[in-house]
Each structure stands twice: as C-alpha cells, then as structure tokens.
Amino acid sequence: MPPPSSPLLPDERLAAGAPRLATRYAGRFAPETVLGLLADSYTRFAEHARIRTHLVILAERLTADRLDALAPSR
C-alpha cells in the first residue's frame, strides 16, 4: 500500500520520497521543512518540463542538494 498523499505535494508519487529524505536528514531538518522543499523542487521542475517522466526523482535529488547546501548554515 502506498504512503498517504500529503496536500502539500503536487504529485502523489512524491509521498514515497518524502519519508526517505526526512529520515536521511532527521535531526538536522524538521520533516515539514523537507516536505516543503520537496514540493517546491517538484514545482520548479514541473513549471518548465515538457517531458514529466523523471520529475519525481529529479525533485528528490534537487531537494537533497538543497538540504545539503543548507546543512552547514544550521
């Protein structure tokens, strides 16, 4: 059974990546922060994408990059 979808996520497939990222960054970022950045990353890609096949994985990777960049400042 897939994880429940969040109203913040523009694509229900992102709900699978949110817990992975939240676990990876536990103790450094709140799950809500991870979720918000994931939704924002997806939206940024989706606004300009002509092909949407890999948007979810690209959004997860961008979110991880953004969180890695933010981590030293916290």
Protein backbone atom coordinates (compact mmCIF):
# COMPACT_ATOMS: atom_id res chain seq x y z
CA MET A 1 0.00 0.00 0.00
CA PRO A 2 1.49 3.40 -0.96
CA PRO A 3 2.05 6.04 1.71
CA PRO A 4 -0.77 8.53 2.18
CA SER A 5 -0.59 11.59 0.00
CA SER A 6 0.00 14.98 1.52
CA PRO A 7 -1.98 18.04 0.44
CA LEU A 8 1.36 19.86 0.11
CA LEU A 9 2.65 17.51 -2.56
CA PRO A 10 1.65 18.34 -6.13
CA ASP A 11 2.26 14.73 -7.26
CA GLU A 12 1.20 11.73 -5.17
CA ARG A 13 4.39 9.87 -6.15
CA LEU A 14 6.39 12.36 -4.10
CA ALA A 15 4.83 10.88 -0.98
CA ALA A 16 7.20 7.92 -1.32
CA GLY A 17 10.31 10.12 -1.38
CA ALA A 18 9.36 12.41 1.48
CA PRO A 19 9.92 9.81 4.26
CA ARG A 20 13.25 8.76 2.72
CA LEU A 21 14.51 12.33 2.72
CA ALA A 22 13.07 13.04 6.18
CA THR A 23 14.90 10.01 7.57
CA ARG A 24 18.12 10.97 5.82
CA TYR A 25 18.02 14.47 7.32
CA ALA A 26 16.49 13.58 10.70
CA GLY A 27 18.00 15.66 13.46
CA ARG A 28 19.06 18.40 11.05
CA PHE A 29 15.74 19.39 9.46
CA ALA A 30 12.14 19.00 10.50
CA PRO A 31 10.04 16.70 8.29
CA GLU A 32 7.88 19.71 7.42
CA THR A 33 10.93 21.53 6.06
CA VAL A 34 11.87 18.54 3.93
CA LEU A 35 8.31 18.21 2.68
CA GLY A 36 8.09 21.90 1.78
CA LEU A 37 11.39 21.85 -0.10
CA LEU A 38 10.40 18.67 -1.93
CA ALA A 39 7.12 20.21 -3.07
CA ASP A 40 8.92 23.40 -4.11
CA SER A 41 11.60 21.47 -6.02
CA TYR A 42 8.98 19.48 -7.90
CA THR A 43 7.01 22.63 -8.74
CA ARG A 44 10.13 24.35 -10.08
CA PHE A 45 10.83 21.48 -12.47
CA ALA A 46 7.19 20.96 -13.43
CA GLU A 47 6.70 24.59 -14.46
CA HIS A 48 9.08 24.21 -17.40
CA ALA A 49 9.10 20.49 -18.15
CA ARG A 50 7.86 19.22 -21.46
CA ILE A 51 8.56 15.61 -20.51
CA ARG A 52 7.48 14.66 -17.00
CA THR A 53 8.77 11.11 -16.79
CA HIS A 54 11.54 11.75 -14.28
CA LEU A 55 10.27 14.79 -12.42
CA VAL A 56 9.84 12.95 -9.12
CA ILE A 57 13.40 11.64 -8.95
CA LEU A 58 14.80 14.97 -10.14
CA ALA A 59 12.83 16.74 -7.43
CA GLU A 60 14.16 14.34 -4.78
CA ARG A 61 17.73 14.92 -5.94
CA LEU A 62 17.32 18.68 -6.04
CA THR A 63 15.80 18.61 -2.55
CA ALA A 64 18.74 16.58 -1.24
CA ASP A 65 21.16 19.04 -2.85
CA ARG A 66 19.33 21.99 -1.32
CA LEU A 67 19.29 20.38 2.12
CA ASP A 68 22.99 19.53 1.87
CA ALA A 69 23.70 23.16 0.99
CA LEU A 70 21.63 24.41 3.92
CA ALA A 71 23.03 21.97 6.49
CA PRO A 72 26.31 23.79 7.25
CA SER A 73 24.46 27.02 7.99
CA ARG A 74 22.36 25.38 10.72
